[in-house]
C-alpha atoms as a PDB file:
ATOM      1  CA  MET A   1      -0.016   0.239  -0.152  1.00  0.00           C
ATOM      2  CA  LYS A   2       1.353   3.723  -0.526  1.00  0.00           C
ATOM      3  CA  LYS A   3       2.313   5.804   1.794  1.00  0.00           C
ATOM      4  CA  SER A   4      -0.440   8.363   0.821  1.00  0.00           C
ATOM      5  CA  THR A   5      -3.083   5.689   0.906  1.00  0.00           C
ATOM      6  CA  LYS A   6      -2.248   4.482   4.344  1.00  0.00           C
ATOM      7  CA  LYS A   7      -2.445   8.435   5.651  1.00  0.00           C
ATOM      8  CA  GLU A   8      -6.002   8.423   3.599  1.00  0.00           C
ATOM      9  CA  VAL A   9      -7.092   5.331   5.163  1.00  0.00           C
ATOM     10  CA  TYR A  10      -5.620   6.475   9.083  1.00  0.00           C
ATOM     11  CA  SER A  11      -7.470   9.960   8.576  1.00  0.00           C
ATOM     12  CA  TRP A  12     -10.802   8.696   8.092  1.00  0.00           C
ATOM     13  CA  MET A  13     -10.427   6.057  10.722  1.00  0.00           C
ATOM     14  CA  LYS A  14      -9.243   8.864  12.790  1.00  0.00           C
ATOM     15  CA  SER A  15     -12.509  11.150  11.919  1.00  0.00           C
ATOM     16  CA  ILE A  16     -14.992   8.409  12.132  1.00  0.00           C
ATOM     17  CA  ALA A  17     -13.747   7.569  15.498  1.00  0.00           C
ATOM     18  CA  ILE A  18     -13.725  10.765  16.733  1.00  0.00           C
ATOM     19  CA  ALA A  19     -17.590  10.668  15.316  1.00  0.00           C
ATOM     20  CA  VAL A  20     -18.424   7.815  17.106  1.00  0.00           C
ATOM     21  CA  PHE A  21     -17.068   9.504  20.380  1.00  0.00           C
ATOM     22  CA  ILE A  22     -18.727  12.582  20.164  1.00  0.00           C
ATOM     23  CA  ALA A  23     -22.127  10.311  19.064  1.00  0.00           C
ATOM     24  CA  PHE A  24     -21.524   8.224  22.852  1.00  0.00           C
ATOM     25  CA  MET A  25     -21.325  11.353  24.646  1.00  0.00           C
ATOM     26  CA  CYS A  26     -23.617  13.288  23.542  1.00  0.00           C
ATOM     27  CA  ARG A  27     -26.000  10.236  24.037  1.00  0.00           C
ATOM     28  CA  GLN A  28     -24.623   9.408  27.459  1.00  0.00           C
ATOM     29  CA  PHE A  29     -24.462  12.998  28.896  1.00  0.00           C
ATOM     30  CA  LEU A  30     -26.800  15.526  27.249  1.00  0.00           C
ATOM     31  CA  PHE A  31     -29.686  13.799  25.186  1.00  0.00           C
ATOM     32  CA  THR A  32     -30.878  10.335  24.267  1.00  0.00           C
ATOM     33  CA  PRO A  33     -34.000   9.197  21.717  1.00  0.00           C
ATOM     34  CA  LEU A  34     -36.294   7.195  22.997  1.00  0.00           C
ATOM     35  CA  THR A  35     -39.784   5.043  22.467  1.00  0.00           C
ATOM     36  CA  VAL A  36     -43.029   5.269  24.264  1.00  0.00           C
ATOM     37  CA  HIS A  37     -44.285   1.999  25.183  1.00  0.00           C
ATOM     38  CA  GLY A  38     -47.992   1.370  26.616  1.00  0.00           C
ATOM     39  CA  VAL A  39     -50.954   3.999  26.868  1.00  0.00           C
ATOM     40  CA  SER A  40     -50.497   5.824  29.945  1.00  0.00           C
ATOM     41  CA  MET A  41     -49.778   9.373  28.213  1.00  0.00           C
ATOM     42  CA  GLU A  42     -52.417   9.104  25.897  1.00  0.00           C
ATOM     43  CA  PRO A  43     -53.481  11.520  24.420  1.00  0.00           C
ATOM     44  CA  THR A  44     -50.369  13.412  24.352  1.00  0.00           C
ATOM     45  CA  PHE A  45     -48.046  10.192  22.945  1.00  0.00           C
ATOM     46  CA  ASP A  46     -49.542   6.701  21.917  1.00  0.00           C
ATOM     47  CA  ASP A  47     -47.741   3.730  22.343  1.00  0.00           C
ATOM     48  CA  ASN A  48     -44.498   3.272  20.199  1.00  0.00           C
ATOM     49  CA  ASN A  49     -44.090   7.198  19.715  1.00  0.00           C
ATOM     50  CA  ARG A  50     -40.496   8.052  18.811  1.00  0.00           C
ATOM     51  CA  ILE A  51     -39.341  11.008  21.150  1.00  0.00           C
ATOM     52  CA  VAL A  52     -35.652  12.331  22.583  1.00  0.00           C
ATOM     53  CA  ILE A  53     -35.331  12.959  25.909  1.00  0.00           C
ATOM     54  CA  SER A  54     -32.340  15.946  27.634  1.00  0.00           C
ATOM     55  CA  LYS A  55     -30.620  14.584  30.047  1.00  0.00           C
ATOM     56  CA  THR A  56     -29.407  18.169  31.167  1.00  0.00           C
ATOM     57  CA  SER A  57     -32.997  20.058  31.678  1.00  0.00           C
ATOM     58  CA  THR A  58     -33.992  21.144  35.046  1.00  0.00           C
ATOM     59  CA  THR A  59     -37.465  19.640  36.149  1.00  0.00           C
ATOM     60  CA  GLU A  60     -40.172  22.147  36.879  1.00  0.00           C
ATOM     61  CA  ARG A  61     -44.029  21.323  37.054  1.00  0.00           C
ATOM     62  CA  PHE A  62     -45.826  19.785  34.032  1.00  0.00           C
ATOM     63  CA  ASP A  63     -42.902  18.594  32.404  1.00  0.00           C
ATOM     64  CA  MET A  64     -43.188  15.262  30.650  1.00  0.00           C
ATOM     65  CA  ILE A  65     -40.168  13.144  32.443  1.00  0.00           C
ATOM     66  CA  VAL A  66     -38.359   9.859  31.706  1.00  0.00           C
ATOM     67  CA  PHE A  67     -37.673   7.283  34.756  1.00  0.00           C
ATOM     68  CA  LYS A  68     -36.170   4.445  35.838  1.00  0.00           C
ATOM     69  CA  ALA A  69     -39.822   2.608  37.082  1.00  0.00           C
ATOM     70  CA  PRO A  70     -39.886   1.959  41.082  1.00  0.00           C
ATOM     71  CA  ASP A  71     -41.780  -0.771  40.899  1.00  0.00           C
ATOM     72  CA  ALA A  72     -39.699  -2.251  37.650  1.00  0.00           C
ATOM     73  CA  VAL A  73     -36.413  -3.503  37.057  1.00  0.00           C
ATOM     74  CA  ASP A  74     -34.641  -2.597  33.704  1.00  0.00           C
ATOM     75  CA  THR A  75     -38.095  -0.495  33.035  1.00  0.00           C
ATOM     76  CA  GLN A  76     -38.257   3.410  32.313  1.00  0.00           C
ATOM     77  CA  TYR A  77     -41.516   4.924  32.415  1.00  0.00           C
ATOM     78  CA  ILE A  78     -42.811   8.079  30.962  1.00  0.00           C
ATOM     79  CA  LYS A  79     -45.148  10.498  33.125  1.00  0.00           C
ATOM     80  CA  ARG A  80     -46.123  13.888  33.738  1.00  0.00           C
ATOM     81  CA  VAL A  81     -44.753  16.166  36.960  1.00  0.00           C
ATOM     82  CA  ILE A  82     -47.667  17.136  39.238  1.00  0.00           C
ATOM     83  CA  GLY A  83     -45.736  17.612  42.415  1.00  0.00           C
ATOM     84  CA  LEU A  84     -42.215  19.714  43.194  1.00  0.00           C
ATOM     85  CA  PRO A  85     -41.068  19.145  46.662  1.00  0.00           C
ATOM     86  CA  GLY A  86     -42.779  21.388  49.053  1.00  0.00           C
ATOM     87  CA  ASP A  87     -45.989  20.687  46.964  1.00  0.00           C
ATOM     88  CA  ASN A  88     -48.808  19.621  48.614  1.00  0.00           C
ATOM     89  CA  VAL A  89     -51.560  17.896  45.533  1.00  0.00           C
ATOM     90  CA  GLU A  90     -55.039  16.896  45.759  1.00  0.00           C
ATOM     91  CA  MET A  91     -57.610  16.032  43.444  1.00  0.00           C
ATOM     92  CA  LYS A  92     -61.224  16.720  44.526  1.00  0.00           C
ATOM     93  CA  ASP A  93     -63.821  16.210  41.731  1.00  0.00           C
ATOM     94  CA  ASP A  94     -61.377  15.340  38.458  1.00  0.00           C
ATOM     95  CA  VAL A  95     -60.070  19.143  39.514  1.00  0.00           C
ATOM     96  CA  LEU A  96     -56.338  19.162  39.941  1.00  0.00           C
ATOM     97  CA  PHE A  97     -55.221  21.344  42.985  1.00  0.00           C
ATOM     98  CA  ILE A  98     -51.642  22.100  43.890  1.00  0.00           C
ATOM     99  CA  ASN A  99     -50.868  23.744  47.382  1.00  0.00           C
ATOM    100  CA  GLY A 100     -54.637  25.058  47.560  1.00  0.00           C
ATOM    101  CA  LYS A 101     -54.322  26.687  43.846  1.00  0.00           C
ATOM    102  CA  GLN A 102     -56.672  25.065  41.165  1.00  0.00           C
ATOM    103  CA  TYR A 103     -55.087  23.871  37.557  1.00  0.00           C
ATOM    104  CA  GLU A 104     -56.981  23.153  34.227  1.00  0.00           C
ATOM    105  CA  GLU A 105     -55.349  19.747  33.213  1.00  0.00           C
ATOM    106  CA  PRO A 106     -56.095  20.415  28.986  1.00  0.00           C
ATOM    107  CA  TYR A 107     -53.935  17.050  28.287  1.00  0.00           C
ATOM    108  CA  VAL A 108     -55.690  14.449  30.453  1.00  0.00           C
ATOM    109  CA  LYS A 109     -57.473  12.220  28.136  1.00  0.00           C
ATOM    110  CA  ARG A 110     -61.348  12.322  28.890  1.00  0.00           C
ATOM    111  CA  ASP A 111     -62.720  10.493  25.941  1.00  0.00           C
ATOM    112  CA  ASN A 112     -62.886   6.585  27.484  1.00  0.00           C
ATOM    113  CA  GLU A 113     -64.677   3.762  26.060  1.00  0.00           C
ATOM    114  CA  ILE A 114     -65.960   4.008  29.579  1.00  0.00           C
ATOM    115  CA  GLU A 115     -68.592   6.599  30.714  1.00  0.00           C
ATOM    116  CA  LEU A 116     -67.269   7.584  33.862  1.00  0.00           C
ATOM    117  CA  GLY A 117     -68.187  11.016  35.582  1.00  0.00           C
ATOM    118  CA  LYS A 118     -64.711  11.417  36.821  1.00  0.00           C
ATOM    119  CA  VAL A 119     -61.351  10.209  35.005  1.00  0.00           C
ATOM    120  CA  THR A 120     -58.886  10.508  38.272  1.00  0.00           C
ATOM    121  CA  GLY A 121     -60.727   9.788  41.470  1.00  0.00           C
ATOM    122  CA  ASP A 122     -60.051  11.646  44.774  1.00  0.00           C
ATOM    123  CA  PHE A 123     -57.151  11.814  46.764  1.00  0.00           C
ATOM    124  CA  THR A 124     -54.458  13.838  48.720  1.00  0.00           C
ATOM    125  CA  LEU A 125     -50.989  12.918  49.458  1.00  0.00           C
ATOM    126  CA  GLN A 126     -51.901  12.234  53.061  1.00  0.00           C
ATOM    127  CA  GLU A 127     -54.143   9.359  51.915  1.00  0.00           C
ATOM    128  CA  LEU A 128     -52.245   7.425  49.366  1.00  0.00           C
ATOM    129  CA  THR A 129     -48.666   8.862  50.841  1.00  0.00           C
ATOM    130  CA  GLY A 130     -48.898   9.067  54.360  1.00  0.00           C
ATOM    131  CA  HIS A 131     -46.904  12.831  53.606  1.00  0.00           C
ATOM    132  CA  THR A 132     -48.910  15.781  53.285  1.00  0.00           C
ATOM    133  CA  THR A 133     -46.163  17.416  51.186  1.00  0.00           C
ATOM    134  CA  VAL A 134     -43.951  16.109  48.471  1.00  0.00           C
ATOM    135  CA  PRO A 135     -40.598  15.777  50.343  1.00  0.00           C
ATOM    136  CA  ASN A 136     -37.164  17.115  49.156  1.00  0.00           C
ATOM    137  CA  GLY A 137     -35.421  15.044  46.388  1.00  0.00           C
ATOM    138  CA  TYR A 138     -38.545  13.441  45.162  1.00  0.00           C
ATOM    139  CA  LEU A 139     -41.433  14.028  42.864  1.00  0.00           C
ATOM    140  CA  PHE A 140     -45.491  13.315  42.740  1.00  0.00           C
ATOM    141  CA  VAL A 141     -46.209  11.647  38.547  1.00  0.00           C
ATOM    142  CA  LEU A 142     -49.192  10.838  36.988  1.00  0.00           C
ATOM    143  CA  GLY A 143     -50.021   9.879  33.371  1.00  0.00           C
ATOM    144  CA  ASP A 144     -52.530  11.452  30.946  1.00  0.00           C
ATOM    145  CA  ASN A 145     -54.593   8.883  30.457  1.00  0.00           C
ATOM    146  CA  ARG A 146     -55.651   8.323  34.525  1.00  0.00           C
ATOM    147  CA  LEU A 147     -57.388   5.732  33.695  1.00  0.00           C
ATOM    148  CA  LYS A 148     -54.938   3.495  32.678  1.00  0.00           C
ATOM    149  CA  SER A 149     -52.001   4.846  34.189  1.00  0.00           C
ATOM    150  CA  ASN A 150     -49.376   3.204  37.094  1.00  0.00           C
ATOM    151  CA  ASP A 151     -48.330   5.817  38.572  1.00  0.00           C
ATOM    152  CA  SER A 152     -47.733   7.983  41.876  1.00  0.00           C
ATOM    153  CA  ARG A 153     -50.979   7.323  43.059  1.00  0.00           C
ATOM    154  CA  ALA A 154     -49.973   3.436  42.850  1.00  0.00           C
ATOM    155  CA  TYR A 155     -46.101   3.402  43.558  1.00  0.00           C
ATOM    156  CA  GLY A 156     -45.921   7.030  45.885  1.00  0.00           C
ATOM    157  CA  PHE A 157     -43.069   9.124  44.910  1.00  0.00           C
ATOM    158  CA  ILE A 158     -40.457   9.082  42.482  1.00  0.00           C
ATOM    159  CA  SER A 159     -36.693   9.764  43.539  1.00  0.00           C
ATOM    160  CA  THR A 160     -35.463  12.674  41.794  1.00  0.00           C
ATOM    161  CA  ASP A 161     -32.093  11.024  41.502  1.00  0.00           C
ATOM    162  CA  SER A 162     -34.685   8.490  39.041  1.00  0.00           C
ATOM    163  CA  VAL A 163     -35.072  10.777  36.341  1.00  0.00           C
ATOM    164  CA  ILE A 164     -33.141   9.928  33.055  1.00  0.00           C
ATOM    165  CA  GLY A 165     -34.748  12.956  31.398  1.00  0.00           C
ATOM    166  CA  GLU A 166     -36.875  15.604  29.829  1.00  0.00           C
ATOM    167  CA  VAL A 167     -39.273  15.120  26.912  1.00  0.00           C
ATOM    168  CA  LYS A 168     -38.171  17.832  24.515  1.00  0.00           C
ATOM    169  CA  LEU A 169     -39.281  16.452  20.778  1.00  0.00           C
ATOM    170  CA  ARG A 170     -41.473  13.888  19.198  1.00  0.00           C
ATOM    171  CA  PHE A 171     -39.983  12.554  15.731  1.00  0.00           C
ATOM    172  CA  TYR A 172     -42.055   9.726  15.078  1.00  0.00           C
ATOM    173  CA  PRO A 173     -44.737   9.559  13.593  1.00  0.00           C
ATOM    174  CA  VAL A 174     -43.934  11.953  11.188  1.00  0.00           C
ATOM    175  CA  GLN A 175     -47.149  13.981  11.309  1.00  0.00           C
ATOM    176  CA  LYS A 176     -46.927  14.421  14.786  1.00  0.00           C
ATOM    177  CA  THR A 177     -43.209  15.716  15.014  1.00  0.00           C
ATOM    178  CA  GLY A 178     -42.602  18.343  17.279  1.00  0.00           C
ATOM    179  CA  ILE A 179     -42.694  19.823  20.422  1.00  0.00           C
ATOM    180  CA  PRO A 180     -44.972  18.230  22.916  1.00  0.00           C
ATOM    181  CA  LYS A 181     -47.275  19.969  25.182  1.00  0.00           C
END
């Protein structure tokens, strides 16, 4: 092999190695693509939607996050943050109250096959968890499809350490590509 050919091959190999390293670092520390599994976030996300999560975002109320499932090994859940540390959360007659303030929930799936007056049962944090407020280092999360969501009503608070990232973009299906709300 000629010396110039060897240099060219080495140059390409080096460029490819650097590109792979950069892609690995970005995926490991900045963002990663994931697939939504299940119906707990309908109508916001359907089963098999593809999303991108940011691993560097600060979690705020009503953000959609992906976290390690507290009740299953090697499983990740996607849910909406309802309660931040220090918040008092309760549900009365299908209306969400956080720290005594009423909030609209336009993202909640209200059209179900079953004709029910309410999609979210009444609860207080005290009844569900024994705490009156969300403790420091934890979050209270709910799915948008309340009738079919395994969320903080079932397993309690989730640790902020278990949060993998915040949903920033849906890229599949193509007709629904964009920033989810």
